[in-house]
Amino acid sequence: MEATPMNDEELLTRLSRHPEIKSRMVSLLAAVDNTNGDLRLADEAEDRLFEEMRRLGQESMQAWAQGQVHETEQEVRRSGRARSNGKKTELAQPVW
């Protein structure tokens, strides 16, 4: 599946809406660029990159799910299916 091309400004705007994804991308790029200088062997780099990609996948799914919850909440509110009953009242005590 190919992503729709976007310019740098749009990419930064979208990343700013998802700080956890932005942070993970920074970590991924740090591994690619070996900014810590600790990835000497291909196996080390592969392990680090797989871990970063795994975390990116988890955080992306979590962000997607939160977006779906928000979208569903908005849809329910727009449709009028949500009701606010006001203040909660105490329930009658059960008879044992």
PDB file of N, CA and C in Angstrom:
ATOM      1  N   MET A   1       0.828  -1.171   0.000  1.00  0.00           N
ATOM      2  CA  MET A   1       0.000   0.000   0.000  1.00  0.00           C
ATOM      3  C   MET A   1       0.879   1.243   0.000  1.00  0.00           C
ATOM      4  N   GLU A   2       0.704   2.085  -0.989  1.00  0.00           N
ATOM      5  CA  GLU A   2       1.511   3.290  -1.108  1.00  0.00           C
ATOM      6  C   GLU A   2       0.857   4.448  -0.385  1.00  0.00           C
ATOM      7  N   ALA A   3       1.682   5.219   0.310  1.00  0.00           N
ATOM      8  CA  ALA A   3       1.173   6.403   0.998  1.00  0.00           C
ATOM      9  C   ALA A   3       1.082   7.561   0.012  1.00  0.00           C
ATOM     10  N   THR A   4       0.150   8.453   0.287  1.00  0.00           N
ATOM     11  CA  THR A   4       0.004   9.649  -0.521  1.00  0.00           C
ATOM     12  C   THR A   4       1.188  10.557  -0.242  1.00  0.00           C
ATOM     13  N   PRO A   5       1.842  11.058  -1.294  1.00  0.00           N
ATOM     14  CA  PRO A   5       2.992  11.935  -1.060  1.00  0.00           C
ATOM     15  C   PRO A   5       2.572  13.211  -0.304  1.00  0.00           C
ATOM     16  N   MET A   6       3.454  13.711   0.552  1.00  0.00           N
ATOM     17  CA  MET A   6       3.179  14.963   1.250  1.00  0.00           C
ATOM     18  C   MET A   6       4.471  15.747   1.363  1.00  0.00           C
ATOM     19  N   ASN A   7       4.314  17.052   1.469  1.00  0.00           N
ATOM     20  CA  ASN A   7       5.507  17.887   1.591  1.00  0.00           C
ATOM     21  C   ASN A   7       5.996  17.889   3.043  1.00  0.00           C
ATOM     22  N   ASP A   8       7.173  18.438   3.247  1.00  0.00           N
ATOM     23  CA  ASP A   8       7.795  18.429   4.570  1.00  0.00           C
ATOM     24  C   ASP A   8       6.931  19.139   5.609  1.00  0.00           C
ATOM     25  N   GLU A   9       6.329  20.252   5.218  1.00  0.00           N
ATOM     26  CA  GLU A   9       5.506  21.021   6.156  1.00  0.00           C
ATOM     27  C   GLU A   9       4.305  20.198   6.633  1.00  0.00           C
ATOM     28  N   GLU A  10       3.645  19.517   5.723  1.00  0.00           N
ATOM     29  CA  GLU A  10       2.499  18.688   6.099  1.00  0.00           C
ATOM     30  C   GLU A  10       2.939  17.528   6.990  1.00  0.00           C
ATOM     31  N   LEU A  11       4.074  16.931   6.663  1.00  0.00           N
ATOM     32  CA  LEU A  11       4.599  15.842   7.488  1.00  0.00           C
ATOM     33  C   LEU A  11       4.853  16.317   8.914  1.00  0.00           C
ATOM     34  N   LEU A  12       5.492  17.470   9.064  1.00  0.00           N
ATOM     35  CA  LEU A  12       5.765  17.998  10.397  1.00  0.00           C
ATOM     36  C   LEU A  12       4.478  18.350  11.144  1.00  0.00           C
ATOM     37  N   THR A  13       3.512  18.874  10.431  1.00  0.00           N
ATOM     38  CA  THR A  13       2.227  19.197  11.044  1.00  0.00           C
ATOM     39  C   THR A  13       1.554  17.939  11.569  1.00  0.00           C
ATOM     40  N   ARG A  14       1.549  16.901  10.753  1.00  0.00           N
ATOM     41  CA  ARG A  14       0.906  15.659  11.172  1.00  0.00           C
ATOM     42  C   ARG A  14       1.660  14.990  12.317  1.00  0.00           C
ATOM     43  N   LEU A  15       2.987  15.032  12.275  1.00  0.00           N
ATOM     44  CA  LEU A  15       3.771  14.472  13.379  1.00  0.00           C
ATOM     45  C   LEU A  15       3.535  15.239  14.675  1.00  0.00           C
ATOM     46  N   SER A  16       3.317  16.545  14.579  1.00  0.00           N
ATOM     47  CA  SER A  16       3.083  17.336  15.793  1.00  0.00           C
ATOM     48  C   SER A  16       1.752  16.963  16.452  1.00  0.00           C
ATOM     49  N   ARG A  17       0.822  16.400  15.691  1.00  0.00           N
ATOM     50  CA  ARG A  17      -0.446  15.934  16.270  1.00  0.00           C
ATOM     51  C   ARG A  17      -0.270  14.593  16.981  1.00  0.00           C
ATOM     52  N   HIS A  18       0.849  13.925  16.735  1.00  0.00           N
ATOM     53  CA  HIS A  18       1.122  12.614  17.341  1.00  0.00           C
ATOM     54  C   HIS A  18       2.540  12.630  17.930  1.00  0.00           C
ATOM     55  N   PRO A  19       2.717  13.269  19.090  1.00  0.00           N
ATOM     56  CA  PRO A  19       4.072  13.392  19.658  1.00  0.00           C
ATOM     57  C   PRO A  19       4.744  12.056  19.941  1.00  0.00           C
ATOM     58  N   GLU A  20       3.954  11.019  20.260  1.00  0.00           N
ATOM     59  CA  GLU A  20       4.554   9.714  20.533  1.00  0.00           C
ATOM     60  C   GLU A  20       5.147   9.118  19.258  1.00  0.00           C
ATOM     61  N   ILE A  21       4.512   9.348  18.127  1.00  0.00           N
ATOM     62  CA  ILE A  21       5.032   8.855  16.846  1.00  0.00           C
ATOM     63  C   ILE A  21       6.268   9.666  16.458  1.00  0.00           C
ATOM     64  N   LYS A  22       6.195  10.969  16.672  1.00  0.00           N
ATOM     65  CA  LYS A  22       7.336  11.839  16.365  1.00  0.00           C
ATOM     66  C   LYS A  22       8.563  11.412  17.170  1.00  0.00           C
ATOM     67  N   SER A  23       8.351  11.151  18.453  1.00  0.00           N
ATOM     68  CA  SER A  23       9.448  10.717  19.318  1.00  0.00           C
ATOM     69  C   SER A  23      10.036   9.393  18.850  1.00  0.00           C
ATOM     70  N   ARG A  24       9.155   8.472  18.451  1.00  0.00           N
ATOM     71  CA  ARG A  24       9.637   7.175  17.974  1.00  0.00           C
ATOM     72  C   ARG A  24      10.416   7.338  16.671  1.00  0.00           C
ATOM     73  N   MET A  25       9.976   8.241  15.805  1.00  0.00           N
ATOM     74  CA  MET A  25      10.700   8.485  14.547  1.00  0.00           C
ATOM     75  C   MET A  25      12.090   9.051  14.835  1.00  0.00           C
ATOM     76  N   VAL A  26      12.187   9.912  15.838  1.00  0.00           N
ATOM     77  CA  VAL A  26      13.492  10.458  16.239  1.00  0.00           C
ATOM     78  C   VAL A  26      14.399   9.323  16.703  1.00  0.00           C
ATOM     79  N   SER A  27      13.849   8.401  17.486  1.00  0.00           N
ATOM     80  CA  SER A  27      14.633   7.249  17.958  1.00  0.00           C
ATOM     81  C   SER A  27      15.063   6.355  16.803  1.00  0.00           C
ATOM     82  N   LEU A  28      14.163   6.163  15.861  1.00  0.00           N
ATOM     83  CA  LEU A  28      14.478   5.343  14.690  1.00  0.00           C
ATOM     84  C   LEU A  28      15.604   5.979  13.867  1.00  0.00           C
ATOM     85  N   LEU A  29      15.497   7.279  13.648  1.00  0.00           N
ATOM     86  CA  LEU A  29      16.546   7.971  12.895  1.00  0.00           C
ATOM     87  C   LEU A  29      17.874   7.967  13.648  1.00  0.00           C
ATOM     88  N   ALA A  30      17.816   8.049  14.968  1.00  0.00           N
ATOM     89  CA  ALA A  30      19.045   7.981  15.767  1.00  0.00           C
ATOM     90  C   ALA A  30      19.730   6.638  15.575  1.00  0.00           C
ATOM     91  N   ALA A  31      18.933   5.579  15.485  1.00  0.00           N
ATOM     92  CA  ALA A  31      19.513   4.248  15.242  1.00  0.00           C
ATOM     93  C   ALA A  31      20.087   4.170  13.838  1.00  0.00           C
ATOM     94  N   VAL A  32      19.360   4.689  12.854  1.00  0.00           N
ATOM     95  CA  VAL A  32      19.844   4.657  11.465  1.00  0.00           C
ATOM     96  C   VAL A  32      21.159   5.429  11.340  1.00  0.00           C
ATOM     97  N   ASP A  33      21.211   6.596  11.989  1.00  0.00           N
ATOM     98  CA  ASP A  33      22.418   7.428  11.924  1.00  0.00           C
ATOM     99  C   ASP A  33      23.481   7.014  12.928  1.00  0.00           C
ATOM    100  N   ASN A  34      23.145   6.054  13.804  1.00  0.00           N
ATOM    101  CA  ASN A  34      24.045   5.574  14.844  1.00  0.00           C
ATOM    102  C   ASN A  34      24.626   6.741  15.643  1.00  0.00           C
ATOM    103  N   THR A  35      23.739   7.626  16.086  1.00  0.00           N
ATOM    104  CA  THR A  35      24.184   8.826  16.792  1.00  0.00           C
ATOM    105  C   THR A  35      24.883   8.521  18.115  1.00  0.00           C
ATOM    106  N   ASN A  36      24.546   7.400  18.743  1.00  0.00           N
ATOM    107  CA  ASN A  36      25.222   7.019  19.989  1.00  0.00           C
ATOM    108  C   ASN A  36      26.558   6.327  19.730  1.00  0.00           C
ATOM    109  N   GLY A  37      26.781   5.912  18.506  1.00  0.00           N
ATOM    110  CA  GLY A  37      28.021   5.241  18.149  1.00  0.00           C
ATOM    111  C   GLY A  37      28.163   3.850  18.724  1.00  0.00           C
ATOM    112  N   ASP A  38      27.063   3.260  19.179  1.00  0.00           N
ATOM    113  CA  ASP A  38      27.139   1.956  19.826  1.00  0.00           C
ATOM    114  C   ASP A  38      26.773   0.795  18.907  1.00  0.00           C
ATOM    115  N   LEU A  39      26.395   1.083  17.680  1.00  0.00           N
ATOM    116  CA  LEU A  39      26.013   0.016  16.743  1.00  0.00           C
ATOM    117  C   LEU A  39      27.186  -0.260  15.800  1.00  0.00           C
ATOM    118  N   ARG A  40      28.003  -1.193  16.198  1.00  0.00           N
ATOM    119  CA  ARG A  40      29.204  -1.523  15.423  1.00  0.00           C
ATOM    120  C   ARG A  40      28.964  -2.658  14.422  1.00  0.00           C
ATOM    121  N   LEU A  41      28.085  -3.571  14.776  1.00  0.00           N
ATOM    122  CA  LEU A  41      27.837  -4.738  13.938  1.00  0.00           C
ATOM    123  C   LEU A  41      26.454  -4.673  13.320  1.00  0.00           C
ATOM    124  N   ALA A  42      26.308  -5.294  12.166  1.00  0.00           N
ATOM    125  CA  ALA A  42      25.015  -5.313  11.479  1.00  0.00           C
ATOM    126  C   ALA A  42      23.940  -5.962  12.348  1.00  0.00           C
ATOM    127  N   ASP A  43      24.303  -7.000  13.097  1.00  0.00           N
ATOM    128  CA  ASP A  43      23.336  -7.655  13.975  1.00  0.00           C
ATOM    129  C   ASP A  43      22.814  -6.701  15.050  1.00  0.00           C
ATOM    130  N   GLU A  44      23.698  -5.879  15.598  1.00  0.00           N
ATOM    131  CA  GLU A  44      23.288  -4.896  16.604  1.00  0.00           C
ATOM    132  C   GLU A  44      22.335  -3.873  15.994  1.00  0.00           C
ATOM    133  N   ALA A  45      22.680  -3.393  14.817  1.00  0.00           N
ATOM    134  CA  ALA A  45      21.831  -2.414  14.131  1.00  0.00           C
ATOM    135  C   ALA A  45      20.478  -3.032  13.790  1.00  0.00           C
ATOM    136  N   GLU A  46      20.491  -4.267  13.306  1.00  0.00           N
ATOM    137  CA  GLU A  46      19.249  -4.943  12.955  1.00  0.00           C
ATOM    138  C   GLU A  46      18.350  -5.105  14.182  1.00  0.00           C
ATOM    139  N   ASP A  47      18.919  -5.526  15.303  1.00  0.00           N
ATOM    140  CA  ASP A  47      18.148  -5.695  16.532  1.00  0.00           C
ATOM    141  C   ASP A  47      17.537  -4.368  16.974  1.00  0.00           C
ATOM    142  N   ARG A  48      18.332  -3.307  16.961  1.00  0.00           N
ATOM    143  CA  ARG A  48      17.833  -2.000  17.389  1.00  0.00           C
ATOM    144  C   ARG A  48      16.736  -1.503  16.463  1.00  0.00           C
ATOM    145  N   LEU A  49      16.943  -1.655  15.148  1.00  0.00           N
ATOM    146  CA  LEU A  49      15.944  -1.186  14.191  1.00  0.00           C
ATOM    147  C   LEU A  49      14.648  -1.989  14.295  1.00  0.00           C
ATOM    148  N   PHE A  50      14.746  -3.288  14.474  1.00  0.00           N
ATOM    149  CA  PHE A  50      13.536  -4.099  14.656  1.00  0.00           C
ATOM    150  C   PHE A  50      12.776  -3.659  15.904  1.00  0.00           C
ATOM    151  N   GLU A  51      13.495  -3.409  16.992  1.00  0.00           N
ATOM    152  CA  GLU A  51      12.851  -2.973  18.230  1.00  0.00           C
ATOM    153  C   GLU A  51      12.177  -1.614  18.040  1.00  0.00           C
ATOM    154  N   GLU A  52      12.857  -0.697  17.370  1.00  0.00           N
ATOM    155  CA  GLU A  52      12.255   0.619  17.115  1.00  0.00           C
ATOM    156  C   GLU A  52      11.021   0.495  16.233  1.00  0.00           C
ATOM    157  N   MET A  53      11.081  -0.365  15.234  1.00  0.00           N
ATOM    158  CA  MET A  53       9.928  -0.554  14.347  1.00  0.00           C
ATOM    159  C   MET A  53       8.772  -1.226  15.095  1.00  0.00           C
ATOM    160  N   ARG A  54       9.086  -2.150  15.980  1.00  0.00           N
ATOM    161  CA  ARG A  54       8.052  -2.808  16.778  1.00  0.00           C
ATOM    162  C   ARG A  54       7.342  -1.776  17.655  1.00  0.00           C
ATOM    163  N   ARG A  55       8.129  -0.941  18.307  1.00  0.00           N
ATOM    164  CA  ARG A  55       7.545   0.103  19.152  1.00  0.00           C
ATOM    165  C   ARG A  55       6.755   1.117  18.322  1.00  0.00           C
ATOM    166  N   LEU A  56       7.273   1.452  17.156  1.00  0.00           N
ATOM    167  CA  LEU A  56       6.547   2.369  16.270  1.00  0.00           C
ATOM    168  C   LEU A  56       5.198   1.769  15.883  1.00  0.00           C
ATOM    169  N   GLY A  57       5.179   0.483  15.582  1.00  0.00           N
ATOM    170  CA  GLY A  57       3.935  -0.190  15.246  1.00  0.00           C
ATOM    171  C   GLY A  57       2.947  -0.176  16.398  1.00  0.00           C
ATOM    172  N   GLN A  58       3.421  -0.460  17.606  1.00  0.00           N
ATOM    173  CA  GLN A  58       2.545  -0.450  18.782  1.00  0.00           C
ATOM    174  C   GLN A  58       1.980   0.941  19.036  1.00  0.00           C
ATOM    175  N   GLU A  59       2.836   1.941  18.980  1.00  0.00           N
ATOM    176  CA  GLU A  59       2.397   3.306  19.248  1.00  0.00           C
ATOM    177  C   GLU A  59       1.481   3.819  18.144  1.00  0.00           C
ATOM    178  N   SER A  60       1.727   3.395  16.930  1.00  0.00           N
ATOM    179  CA  SER A  60       0.859   3.782  15.817  1.00  0.00           C
ATOM    180  C   SER A  60      -0.526   3.173  15.979  1.00  0.00           C
ATOM    181  N   MET A  61      -0.582   1.910  16.358  1.00  0.00           N
ATOM    182  CA  MET A  61      -1.874   1.260  16.580  1.00  0.00           C
ATOM    183  C   MET A  61      -2.627   1.916  17.736  1.00  0.00           C
ATOM    184  N   GLN A  62      -1.907   2.284  18.780  1.00  0.00           N
ATOM    185  CA  GLN A  62      -2.544   2.941  19.909  1.00  0.00           C
ATOM    186  C   GLN A  62      -3.099   4.307  19.485  1.00  0.00           C
ATOM    187  N   ALA A  63      -2.327   5.061  18.704  1.00  0.00           N
ATOM    188  CA  ALA A  63      -2.796   6.359  18.218  1.00  0.00           C
ATOM    189  C   ALA A  63      -4.012   6.180  17.311  1.00  0.00           C
ATOM    190  N   TRP A  64      -3.987   5.173  16.461  1.00  0.00           N
ATOM    191  CA  TRP A  64      -5.121   4.892  15.579  1.00  0.00           C
ATOM    192  C   TRP A  64      -6.369   4.575  16.410  1.00  0.00           C
ATOM    193  N   ALA A  65      -6.206   3.718  17.407  1.00  0.00           N
ATOM    194  CA  ALA A  65      -7.340   3.317  18.238  1.00  0.00           C
ATOM    195  C   ALA A  65      -7.922   4.518  18.982  1.00  0.00           C
ATOM    196  N   GLN A  66      -7.060   5.378  19.503  1.00  0.00           N
ATOM    197  CA  GLN A  66      -7.544   6.572  20.189  1.00  0.00           C
ATOM    198  C   GLN A  66      -8.306   7.467  19.223  1.00  0.00           C
ATOM    199  N   GLY A  67      -7.828   7.571  17.999  1.00  0.00           N
ATOM    200  CA  GLY A  67      -8.539   8.345  16.983  1.00  0.00           C
ATOM    201  C   GLY A  67      -9.899   7.751  16.674  1.00  0.00           C
ATOM    202  N   GLN A  68      -9.986   6.431  16.620  1.00  0.00           N
ATOM    203  CA  GLN A  68     -11.261   5.773  16.358  1.00  0.00           C
ATOM    204  C   GLN A  68     -12.250   6.014  17.492  1.00  0.00           C
ATOM    205  N   VAL A  69     -11.767   5.954  18.733  1.00  0.00           N
ATOM    206  CA  VAL A  69     -12.630   6.208  19.883  1.00  0.00           C
ATOM    207  C   VAL A  69     -13.158   7.637  19.815  1.00  0.00           C
ATOM    208  N   HIS A  70     -12.270   8.578  19.544  1.00  0.00           N
ATOM    209  CA  HIS A  70     -12.672   9.979  19.453  1.00  0.00           C
ATOM    210  C   HIS A  70     -13.699  10.175  18.334  1.00  0.00           C
ATOM    211  N   GLU A  71     -13.432   9.587  17.191  1.00  0.00           N
ATOM    212  CA  GLU A  71     -14.347   9.710  16.054  1.00  0.00           C
ATOM    213  C   GLU A  71     -15.718   9.115  16.374  1.00  0.00           C
ATOM    214  N   THR A  72     -15.737   7.970  17.037  1.00  0.00           N
ATOM    215  CA  THR A  72     -16.999   7.326  17.408  1.00  0.00           C
ATOM    216  C   THR A  72     -17.759   8.180  18.415  1.00  0.00           C
ATOM    217  N   GLU A  73     -17.042   8.738  19.389  1.00  0.00           N
ATOM    218  CA  GLU A  73     -17.693   9.614  20.361  1.00  0.00           C
ATOM    219  C   GLU A  73     -18.343  10.806  19.668  1.00  0.00           C
ATOM    220  N   GLN A  74     -17.628  11.404  18.730  1.00  0.00           N
ATOM    221  CA  GLN A  74     -18.166  12.552  18.000  1.00  0.00           C
ATOM    222  C   GLN A  74     -19.392  12.153  17.183  1.00  0.00           C
ATOM    223  N   GLU A  75     -19.330  10.994  16.562  1.00  0.00           N
ATOM    224  CA  GLU A  75     -20.451  10.512  15.760  1.00  0.00           C
ATOM    225  C   GLU A  75     -21.688  10.289  16.631  1.00  0.00           C
ATOM    226  N   VAL A  76     -21.492   9.694  17.795  1.00  0.00           N
ATOM    227  CA  VAL A  76     -22.607   9.442  18.703  1.00  0.00           C
ATOM    228  C   VAL A  76     -23.207  10.769  19.172  1.00  0.00           C
ATOM    229  N   ARG A  77     -22.367  11.730  19.481  1.00  0.00           N
ATOM    230  CA  ARG A  77     -22.872  13.035  19.924  1.00  0.00           C
ATOM    231  C   ARG A  77     -23.655  13.728  18.812  1.00  0.00           C
ATOM    232  N   ARG A  78     -23.130  13.661  17.579  1.00  0.00           N
ATOM    233  CA  ARG A  78     -23.812  14.304  16.448  1.00  0.00           C
ATOM    234  C   ARG A  78     -25.152  13.651  16.160  1.00  0.00           C
ATOM    235  N   SER A  79     -25.221  12.347  16.340  1.00  0.00           N
ATOM    236  CA  SER A  79     -26.446  11.624  16.003  1.00  0.00           C
ATOM    237  C   SER A  79     -27.529  11.781  17.067  1.00  0.00           C
ATOM    238  N   GLY A  80     -27.162  12.286  18.220  1.00  0.00           N
ATOM    239  CA  GLY A  80     -28.133  12.455  19.287  1.00  0.00           C
ATOM    240  C   GLY A  80     -28.411  11.182  20.063  1.00  0.00           C
ATOM    241  N   ARG A  81     -27.631  10.140  19.828  1.00  0.00           N
ATOM    242  CA  ARG A  81     -27.826   8.880  20.543  1.00  0.00           C
ATOM    243  C   ARG A  81     -27.296   8.933  21.969  1.00  0.00           C
ATOM    244  N   ALA A  82     -26.461   9.912  22.244  1.00  0.00           N
ATOM    245  CA  ALA A  82     -25.903  10.029  23.588  1.00  0.00           C
ATOM    246  C   ALA A  82     -26.840  10.870  24.433  1.00  0.00           C
ATOM    247  N   ARG A  83     -27.070  10.418  25.641  1.00  0.00           N
ATOM    248  CA  ARG A  83     -27.928  11.165  26.551  1.00  0.00           C
ATOM    249  C   ARG A  83     -27.177  11.426  27.832  1.00  0.00           C
ATOM    250  N   SER A  84     -27.322  12.611  28.310  1.00  0.00           N
ATOM    251  CA  SER A  84     -26.766  12.939  29.611  1.00  0.00           C
ATOM    252  C   SER A  84     -27.921  12.970  30.594  1.00  0.00           C
ATOM    253  N   ASN A  85     -27.863  12.142  31.596  1.00  0.00           N
ATOM    254  CA  ASN A  85     -28.936  12.065  32.575  1.00  0.00           C
ATOM    255  C   ASN A  85     -28.735  13.043  33.722  1.00  0.00           C
ATOM    256  N   GLY A  86     -27.753  13.873  33.615  1.00  0.00           N
ATOM    257  CA  GLY A  86     -27.500  14.829  34.683  1.00  0.00           C
ATOM    258  C   GLY A  86     -26.818  14.163  35.858  1.00  0.00           C
ATOM    259  N   LYS A  87     -27.180  14.625  37.033  1.00  0.00           N
ATOM    260  CA  LYS A  87     -26.556  14.123  38.249  1.00  0.00           C
ATOM    261  C   LYS A  87     -26.957  12.673  38.497  1.00  0.00           C
ATOM    262  N   LYS A  88     -25.974  11.889  38.893  1.00  0.00           N
ATOM    263  CA  LYS A  88     -26.256  10.499  39.237  1.00  0.00           C
ATOM    264  C   LYS A  88     -26.996  10.466  40.571  1.00  0.00           C
ATOM    265  N   THR A  89     -27.912   9.539  40.683  1.00  0.00           N
ATOM    266  CA  THR A  89     -28.641   9.373  41.935  1.00  0.00           C
ATOM    267  C   THR A  89     -28.246   8.066  42.571  1.00  0.00           C
ATOM    268  N   GLU A  90     -28.481   7.974  43.865  1.00  0.00           N
ATOM    269  CA  GLU A  90     -28.152   6.741  44.561  1.00  0.00           C
ATOM    270  C   GLU A  90     -29.139   5.652  44.170  1.00  0.00           C
ATOM    271  N   LEU A  91     -28.643   4.456  44.066  1.00  0.00           N
ATOM    272  CA  LEU A  91     -29.503   3.322  43.797  1.00  0.00           C
ATOM    273  C   LEU A  91     -30.118   2.829  45.102  1.00  0.00           C
ATOM    274  N   ALA A  92     -31.278   2.250  44.999  1.00  0.00           N
ATOM    275  CA  ALA A  92     -31.922   1.701  46.186  1.00  0.00           C
ATOM    276  C   ALA A  92     -31.036   0.594  46.757  1.00  0.00           C
ATOM    277  N   GLN A  93     -31.032   0.518  48.055  1.00  0.00           N
ATOM    278  CA  GLN A  93     -30.252  -0.530  48.709  1.00  0.00           C
ATOM    279  C   GLN A  93     -30.878  -1.886  48.459  1.00  0.00           C
ATOM    280  N   PRO A  94     -30.067  -2.888  48.121  1.00  0.00           N
ATOM    281  CA  PRO A  94     -30.628  -4.219  47.877  1.00  0.00           C
ATOM    282  C   PRO A  94     -31.168  -4.818  49.185  1.00  0.00           C
ATOM    283  N   VAL A  95     -32.203  -5.593  49.044  1.00  0.00           N
ATOM    284  CA  VAL A  95     -32.788  -6.271  50.203  1.00  0.00           C
ATOM    285  C   VAL A  95     -32.172  -7.657  50.247  1.00  0.00           C
ATOM    286  N   TRP A  96     -31.505  -7.950  51.331  1.00  0.00           N
ATOM    287  CA  TRP A  96     -30.842  -9.266  51.444  1.00  0.00           C
ATOM    288  C   TRP A  96     -31.633 -10.155  52.278  1.00  0.00           C
TER     289      TRP A  96
END
